[in-house]
Amino acid sequence: AELNTSASLPFDHYLISANLRGANLMGANLEQADLRGIDFSDANLSDASLKGAELDYTLDLTDWGSPNRVYRANLKGANLSNTIMPDGSTHK
């Protein structure tokens, strides 16, 4: 699946809050992928590479008089054994 978004797409076409709960992504190459706000809870990401991936997105709403909204990838319960994290470190 293509997880990158184009700047020309309207906001509602972004993958914010996409549901990949329990997905088997073992060994997946997700380097540089746009994973902002995606739910990976209980997914198998062992031996996957998330190097350089974007996991957080802040929607600036201050001009609208509202607090900013932050969309974060949910990795709760995900298997991250030997996963290369966005900063290049390997999760043990």
C-alpha atoms as a PDB file:
ATOM      1  CA  ALA A   1       0.000   0.000   0.000  1.00  0.00           C
ATOM      2  CA  GLU A   2       1.184   3.515  -0.766  1.00  0.00           C
ATOM      3  CA  LEU A   3       1.343   5.430   2.497  1.00  0.00           C
ATOM      4  CA  ASN A   4       2.811   8.706   1.288  1.00  0.00           C
ATOM      5  CA  THR A   5       0.510  11.661   0.754  1.00  0.00           C
ATOM      6  CA  SER A   6       0.787  14.397  -1.809  1.00  0.00           C
ATOM      7  CA  ALA A   7       0.678  18.061  -0.884  1.00  0.00           C
ATOM      8  CA  SER A   8      -1.887  18.537  -3.647  1.00  0.00           C
ATOM      9  CA  LEU A   9      -4.438  16.272  -1.962  1.00  0.00           C
ATOM     10  CA  PRO A  10      -7.115  17.867   0.194  1.00  0.00           C
ATOM     11  CA  PHE A  11      -6.718  17.254   3.935  1.00  0.00           C
ATOM     12  CA  ASP A  12      -9.500  14.646   4.091  1.00  0.00           C
ATOM     13  CA  HIS A  13      -7.522  12.350   1.753  1.00  0.00           C
ATOM     14  CA  TYR A  14      -4.604  11.985   4.150  1.00  0.00           C
ATOM     15  CA  LEU A  15      -4.216   8.667   5.959  1.00  0.00           C
ATOM     16  CA  ILE A  16      -4.579  10.228   9.392  1.00  0.00           C
ATOM     17  CA  SER A  17      -6.199   7.662  11.671  1.00  0.00           C
ATOM     18  CA  ALA A  18      -5.960   4.791   9.161  1.00  0.00           C
ATOM     19  CA  ASN A  19      -6.540   1.454  10.902  1.00  0.00           C
ATOM     20  CA  LEU A  20      -3.779  -1.158  10.521  1.00  0.00           C
ATOM     21  CA  ARG A  21      -4.480  -2.822  13.878  1.00  0.00           C
ATOM     22  CA  GLY A  22      -3.095  -6.328  14.040  1.00  0.00           C
ATOM     23  CA  ALA A  23      -1.582  -6.103  10.555  1.00  0.00           C
ATOM     24  CA  ASN A  24       1.352  -8.398   9.785  1.00  0.00           C
ATOM     25  CA  LEU A  25       4.052  -6.014   8.563  1.00  0.00           C
ATOM     26  CA  MET A  26       6.985  -8.225   9.556  1.00  0.00           C
ATOM     27  CA  GLY A  27      10.090  -7.150   7.636  1.00  0.00           C
ATOM     28  CA  ALA A  28       8.252  -4.325   5.865  1.00  0.00           C
ATOM     29  CA  ASN A  29      10.302  -1.479   4.427  1.00  0.00           C
ATOM     30  CA  LEU A  30       8.485   1.627   5.661  1.00  0.00           C
ATOM     31  CA  GLU A  31      11.518   3.913   5.412  1.00  0.00           C
ATOM     32  CA  GLN A  32      10.591   7.562   4.830  1.00  0.00           C
ATOM     33  CA  ALA A  33       6.879   6.599   4.870  1.00  0.00           C
ATOM     34  CA  ASP A  34       4.219   9.012   6.039  1.00  0.00           C
ATOM     35  CA  LEU A  35       2.641   7.103   8.942  1.00  0.00           C
ATOM     36  CA  ARG A  36       1.127  10.073  10.771  1.00  0.00           C
ATOM     37  CA  GLY A  37      -1.769   9.053  12.975  1.00  0.00           C
ATOM     38  CA  ILE A  38      -1.997   5.466  11.722  1.00  0.00           C
ATOM     39  CA  ASP A  39      -3.148   2.845  14.242  1.00  0.00           C
ATOM     40  CA  PHE A  40      -0.547   0.049  14.356  1.00  0.00           C
ATOM     41  CA  SER A  41      -1.715  -1.291  17.735  1.00  0.00           C
ATOM     42  CA  ASP A  42      -1.060  -5.022  18.067  1.00  0.00           C
ATOM     43  CA  ALA A  43       0.553  -5.069  14.593  1.00  0.00           C
ATOM     44  CA  ASN A  44       3.616  -7.208  13.906  1.00  0.00           C
ATOM     45  CA  LEU A  45       6.400  -4.813  12.882  1.00  0.00           C
ATOM     46  CA  SER A  46       9.271  -7.127  13.855  1.00  0.00           C
ATOM     47  CA  ASP A  47      12.318  -6.721  11.601  1.00  0.00           C
ATOM     48  CA  ALA A  48      10.590  -3.821   9.801  1.00  0.00           C
ATOM     49  CA  SER A  49      12.354  -0.558   9.017  1.00  0.00           C
ATOM     50  CA  LEU A  50      10.702   2.720  10.020  1.00  0.00           C
ATOM     51  CA  LYS A  51      13.912   4.701   9.448  1.00  0.00           C
ATOM     52  CA  GLY A  52      13.064   8.316   8.653  1.00  0.00           C
ATOM     53  CA  ALA A  53       9.312   7.652   8.804  1.00  0.00           C
ATOM     54  CA  GLU A  54       6.979  10.403   9.992  1.00  0.00           C
ATOM     55  CA  LEU A  55       4.899   9.268  12.974  1.00  0.00           C
ATOM     56  CA  ASP A  56       3.459  12.552  14.251  1.00  0.00           C
ATOM     57  CA  TYR A  57       1.495  15.314  12.551  1.00  0.00           C
ATOM     58  CA  THR A  58       0.415  18.576  14.151  1.00  0.00           C
ATOM     59  CA  LEU A  59      -2.538  20.342  12.569  1.00  0.00           C
ATOM     60  CA  ASP A  60      -2.154  24.052  13.322  1.00  0.00           C
ATOM     61  CA  LEU A  61      -5.549  25.405  14.319  1.00  0.00           C
ATOM     62  CA  THR A  62      -4.370  28.498  16.199  1.00  0.00           C
ATOM     63  CA  ASP A  63      -5.591  30.787  13.409  1.00  0.00           C
ATOM     64  CA  TRP A  64      -9.065  29.365  14.031  1.00  0.00           C
ATOM     65  CA  GLY A  65      -8.887  30.063  17.751  1.00  0.00           C
ATOM     66  CA  SER A  66      -8.644  26.357  18.602  1.00  0.00           C
ATOM     67  CA  PRO A  67      -5.795  24.343  20.139  1.00  0.00           C
ATOM     68  CA  ASN A  68      -3.593  22.402  17.739  1.00  0.00           C
ATOM     69  CA  ARG A  69      -4.497  18.761  17.047  1.00  0.00           C
ATOM     70  CA  VAL A  70      -1.704  16.192  17.139  1.00  0.00           C
ATOM     71  CA  TYR A  71      -2.083  12.904  15.284  1.00  0.00           C
ATOM     72  CA  ARG A  72       0.381  10.230  16.406  1.00  0.00           C
ATOM     73  CA  ALA A  73       0.949   6.735  15.109  1.00  0.00           C
ATOM     74  CA  ASN A  74      -0.306   4.236  17.701  1.00  0.00           C
ATOM     75  CA  LEU A  75       2.268   1.505  18.353  1.00  0.00           C
ATOM     76  CA  LYS A  76       0.679   0.195  21.573  1.00  0.00           C
ATOM     77  CA  GLY A  77       1.113  -3.566  21.779  1.00  0.00           C
ATOM     78  CA  ALA A  78       2.954  -3.733  18.439  1.00  0.00           C
ATOM     79  CA  ASN A  79       5.764  -6.260  18.087  1.00  0.00           C
ATOM     80  CA  LEU A  80       8.830  -4.054  17.528  1.00  0.00           C
ATOM     81  CA  SER A  81      11.523  -6.753  17.900  1.00  0.00           C
ATOM     82  CA  ASN A  82      14.568  -5.653  15.881  1.00  0.00           C
ATOM     83  CA  THR A  83      12.547  -2.858  14.274  1.00  0.00           C
ATOM     84  CA  ILE A  84      14.592   0.058  12.968  1.00  0.00           C
ATOM     85  CA  MET A  85      12.984   3.168  14.456  1.00  0.00           C
ATOM     86  CA  PRO A  86      12.646   6.572  12.690  1.00  0.00           C
ATOM     87  CA  ASP A  87      15.836   7.894  14.317  1.00  0.00           C
ATOM     88  CA  GLY A  88      17.820   4.916  12.977  1.00  0.00           C
ATOM     89  CA  SER A  89      18.104   3.089  16.312  1.00  0.00           C
ATOM     90  CA  THR A  90      17.127  -0.577  16.548  1.00  0.00           C
ATOM     91  CA  HIS A  91      14.412  -1.491  19.059  1.00  0.00           C
ATOM     92  CA  LYS A  92      15.389  -4.523  21.127  1.00  0.00           C
END
